[in-house]
Amino acid sequence: MKIKSTGMLMSKYLLVFVVLIFTGFSGVAQGLTDCEKILDQEPYFVRHKSGAQDQALKRDIEILKRCGNFDPVDSAFLKGPMLGTLMLQEVRAGKPATYRTIINFFSNFRKTAEYKDFSYGLSMYRKLGGKKVSLTDWETDKELFVRMGFTVNDLEDFKIFITQKEHSSLTYMQAFSQYMSEIEAMRVDK
């Protein structure tokens, strides 16, 4: 009797397992089918000026994320104004205004040296962004600021700025923000 009930129990588990597997596969297949249908549609942001909190723009970005196989680096571009600029560039080049056009742009962009350079710069920015300023590490850390376009004089000025006691507890990005604010306040053409 115990063997029979164990066999029935195993059969039930097997049936549930099979159902779950096929449901999962059909869900994946459905997702791929949905992407194929959606990718040739025009995104909402193409015809509408939208803000970052716009639900339709968020939907556009979710579609791109789900169907576009985006990397974390690519996500830096998934903002309304940036998407609009990319789309305009591609449409001017004769491509249709669709989700697929944006995804194809990123597929091609990932193969370029510019993308690799941008990716490296972004990872450096993320790494240094929260790091506390450090004169000990300055020679290594200053590479980010060189990539941002700082001249030799800018680097020296910024180094002097971060050596001041009131700036010693800041992160590099906080120090950069304050440094730029001070420079902006000194402009005479305002």
Protein backbone atom coordinates (compact mmCIF):
# COMPACT_ATOMS: atom_id res chain seq x y z
CA MET A 1 0.00 0.00 0.00
CA LYS A 2 2.80 2.38 0.88
CA ILE A 3 4.57 1.67 -2.43
CA LYS A 4 1.38 2.40 -4.38
CA SER A 5 0.80 5.77 -2.62
CA THR A 6 4.46 6.71 -3.11
CA GLY A 7 4.13 5.90 -6.82
CA MET A 8 1.00 8.04 -7.13
CA LEU A 9 2.70 10.86 -5.26
CA MET A 10 5.69 10.67 -7.61
CA SER A 11 3.32 10.68 -10.61
CA LYS A 12 1.64 13.83 -9.34
CA TYR A 13 4.99 15.56 -8.82
CA LEU A 14 6.12 14.51 -12.28
CA LEU A 15 2.91 15.85 -13.82
CA VAL A 16 3.29 19.18 -11.99
CA PHE A 17 6.95 19.37 -13.07
CA VAL A 18 6.07 18.72 -16.74
CA VAL A 19 3.30 21.34 -16.66
CA LEU A 20 5.65 23.91 -15.13
CA ILE A 21 8.34 23.22 -17.73
CA PHE A 22 5.95 23.60 -20.67
CA THR A 23 4.37 26.69 -19.18
CA GLY A 24 7.82 28.23 -18.79
CA PHE A 25 8.79 27.38 -22.37
CA SER A 26 5.56 28.81 -23.74
CA GLY A 27 6.11 31.97 -21.66
CA VAL A 28 9.58 32.37 -23.16
CA ALA A 29 8.23 31.70 -26.65
CA GLN A 30 5.40 34.20 -26.03
CA GLY A 31 7.93 36.83 -24.92
CA LEU A 32 9.97 36.32 -28.11
CA THR A 33 6.83 36.49 -30.25
CA ASP A 34 5.73 39.70 -28.51
CA CYS A 35 9.15 41.25 -29.15
CA GLU A 36 9.03 40.35 -32.84
CA LYS A 37 5.64 42.08 -33.15
CA ILE A 38 6.58 45.11 -31.08
CA LEU A 39 10.05 45.84 -32.47
CA ASP A 40 8.73 47.19 -35.77
CA GLN A 41 6.38 49.64 -34.05
CA GLU A 42 7.09 53.30 -33.52
CA PRO A 43 7.99 54.13 -29.90
CA TYR A 44 5.83 56.59 -28.01
CA PHE A 45 8.69 59.04 -27.48
CA VAL A 46 9.08 59.56 -31.24
CA ARG A 47 5.86 61.57 -31.53
CA HIS A 48 5.51 62.91 -27.99
CA LYS A 49 7.68 65.16 -25.93
CA SER A 50 7.86 63.32 -22.65
CA GLY A 51 9.49 63.72 -19.27
CA ALA A 52 11.39 61.14 -17.26
CA GLN A 53 8.28 60.32 -15.21
CA ASP A 54 6.06 59.78 -18.26
CA GLN A 55 4.51 56.30 -18.04
CA ALA A 56 4.53 55.81 -21.83
CA LEU A 57 8.26 56.63 -22.00
CA LYS A 58 8.86 54.17 -19.18
CA ARG A 59 6.94 51.58 -21.24
CA ASP A 60 9.20 52.33 -24.25
CA ILE A 61 12.28 51.81 -22.08
CA GLU A 62 10.90 48.56 -20.63
CA ILE A 63 10.25 47.27 -24.17
CA LEU A 64 13.79 48.15 -25.18
CA LYS A 65 15.23 46.47 -22.08
CA ARG A 66 13.13 43.32 -22.52
CA CYS A 67 13.62 42.93 -26.26
CA GLY A 68 17.01 44.54 -26.76
CA ASN A 69 19.45 42.53 -24.67
CA PHE A 70 20.90 45.72 -23.21
CA ASP A 71 24.01 45.77 -21.06
CA PRO A 72 24.23 47.88 -17.90
CA VAL A 73 26.42 50.28 -19.89
CA ASP A 74 23.69 50.67 -22.53
CA SER A 75 21.22 51.63 -19.83
CA ALA A 76 23.06 54.94 -19.49
CA PHE A 77 21.57 55.82 -22.89
CA LEU A 78 18.01 54.82 -22.01
CA LYS A 79 16.79 58.30 -21.21
CA GLY A 80 14.17 60.21 -23.22
CA PRO A 81 16.43 62.96 -24.62
CA MET A 82 19.21 60.52 -25.50
CA LEU A 83 16.81 58.09 -27.17
CA GLY A 84 15.32 60.98 -29.13
CA THR A 85 18.76 62.10 -30.33
CA LEU A 86 19.72 58.56 -31.35
CA MET A 87 16.42 58.04 -33.15
CA LEU A 88 16.73 61.35 -35.02
CA GLN A 89 20.24 60.43 -36.13
CA GLU A 90 19.09 57.04 -37.39
CA VAL A 91 15.98 58.43 -39.15
CA ARG A 92 18.12 61.05 -40.90
CA ALA A 93 20.27 58.14 -42.10
CA GLY A 94 17.13 56.66 -43.73
CA LYS A 95 16.14 54.10 -41.12
CA PRO A 96 12.58 53.65 -39.84
CA ALA A 97 11.56 55.13 -36.47
CA THR A 98 11.09 51.82 -34.62
CA TYR A 99 12.26 50.02 -31.52
CA ARG A 100 14.25 47.70 -33.81
CA THR A 101 16.21 50.67 -35.17
CA ILE A 102 17.37 51.59 -31.66
CA ILE A 103 18.27 48.00 -30.84
CA ASN A 104 20.21 47.63 -34.10
CA PHE A 105 22.03 50.89 -33.36
CA PHE A 106 23.24 49.48 -30.04
CA SER A 107 24.18 46.15 -31.61
CA ASN A 108 26.43 48.00 -34.05
CA PHE A 109 27.66 50.55 -31.49
CA ARG A 110 28.85 47.77 -29.15
CA LYS A 111 31.36 46.72 -31.82
CA THR A 112 33.12 50.09 -31.93
CA ALA A 113 36.16 51.44 -30.12
CA GLU A 114 34.04 54.40 -28.97
CA TYR A 115 31.71 52.02 -27.12
CA LYS A 116 34.60 50.27 -25.44
CA ASP A 117 36.04 53.64 -24.44
CA PHE A 118 32.66 54.86 -23.17
CA SER A 119 32.16 51.59 -21.27
CA TYR A 120 35.56 51.92 -19.62
CA GLY A 121 34.94 55.56 -18.74
CA LEU A 122 31.53 54.78 -17.27
CA SER A 123 32.89 51.95 -15.14
CA MET A 124 35.65 54.26 -13.94
CA TYR A 125 33.08 56.96 -13.14
CA ARG A 126 30.96 54.49 -11.16
CA LYS A 127 34.01 53.20 -9.30
CA LEU A 128 35.31 56.66 -8.40
CA GLY A 129 31.94 58.33 -7.93
CA GLY A 130 31.53 57.12 -4.38
CA LYS A 131 35.21 56.95 -3.51
CA LYS A 132 36.51 59.42 -0.94
CA VAL A 133 39.12 61.84 -2.31
CA SER A 134 42.62 60.59 -1.72
CA LEU A 135 45.92 62.30 -2.37
CA THR A 136 47.62 58.95 -1.98
CA ASP A 137 45.68 57.56 -4.95
CA TRP A 138 45.50 60.82 -6.92
CA GLU A 139 47.94 59.78 -9.67
CA THR A 140 45.69 56.81 -10.52
CA ASP A 141 42.36 58.46 -9.80
CA LYS A 142 43.03 61.53 -11.92
CA GLU A 143 42.60 59.42 -15.09
CA LEU A 144 38.84 59.90 -14.86
CA PHE A 145 39.27 63.67 -14.89
CA VAL A 146 41.70 63.47 -17.79
CA ARG A 147 39.03 61.50 -19.70
CA MET A 148 36.52 64.21 -18.78
CA GLY A 149 38.74 66.77 -20.55
CA PHE A 150 40.67 68.32 -17.66
CA THR A 151 43.85 70.05 -18.77
CA VAL A 152 47.09 69.86 -16.79
CA ASN A 153 46.18 73.19 -15.15
CA ASP A 154 42.65 71.94 -14.34
CA LEU A 155 44.11 68.83 -12.71
CA GLU A 156 46.46 70.92 -10.57
CA ASP A 157 43.63 73.27 -9.54
CA PHE A 158 41.37 70.35 -8.68
CA LYS A 159 44.15 68.67 -6.72
CA ILE A 160 44.64 71.86 -4.69
CA PHE A 161 40.87 72.01 -4.17
CA ILE A 162 40.68 68.46 -2.76
CA THR A 163 43.66 69.03 -0.45
CA GLN A 164 41.75 71.71 1.42
CA LYS A 165 40.58 70.43 4.79
CA GLU A 166 36.88 71.17 4.18
CA HIS A 167 36.95 68.97 1.07
CA SER A 168 38.90 66.02 2.47
CA SER A 169 35.81 64.05 3.50
CA LEU A 170 34.03 64.37 0.14
CA THR A 171 33.75 61.74 -2.56
CA TYR A 172 35.30 62.55 -5.91
CA MET A 173 31.90 63.32 -7.43
CA GLN A 174 30.89 65.57 -4.53
CA ALA A 175 34.24 67.36 -4.79
CA PHE A 176 33.86 67.68 -8.56
CA SER A 177 30.37 69.11 -8.19
CA GLN A 178 31.51 71.69 -5.62
CA TYR A 179 34.59 72.52 -7.68
CA MET A 180 32.48 73.15 -10.78
CA SER A 181 30.00 75.24 -8.75
CA GLU A 182 32.83 77.44 -7.54
CA ILE A 183 34.16 77.86 -11.07
CA GLU A 184 30.66 78.71 -12.32
CA ALA A 185 30.27 81.32 -9.58
CA MET A 186 33.52 83.00 -10.73
CA ARG A 187 32.42 83.36 -14.37
CA VAL A 188 32.31 86.95 -15.52
CA ASP A 189 30.04 86.37 -18.51
CA LYS A 190 26.99 85.45 -16.44
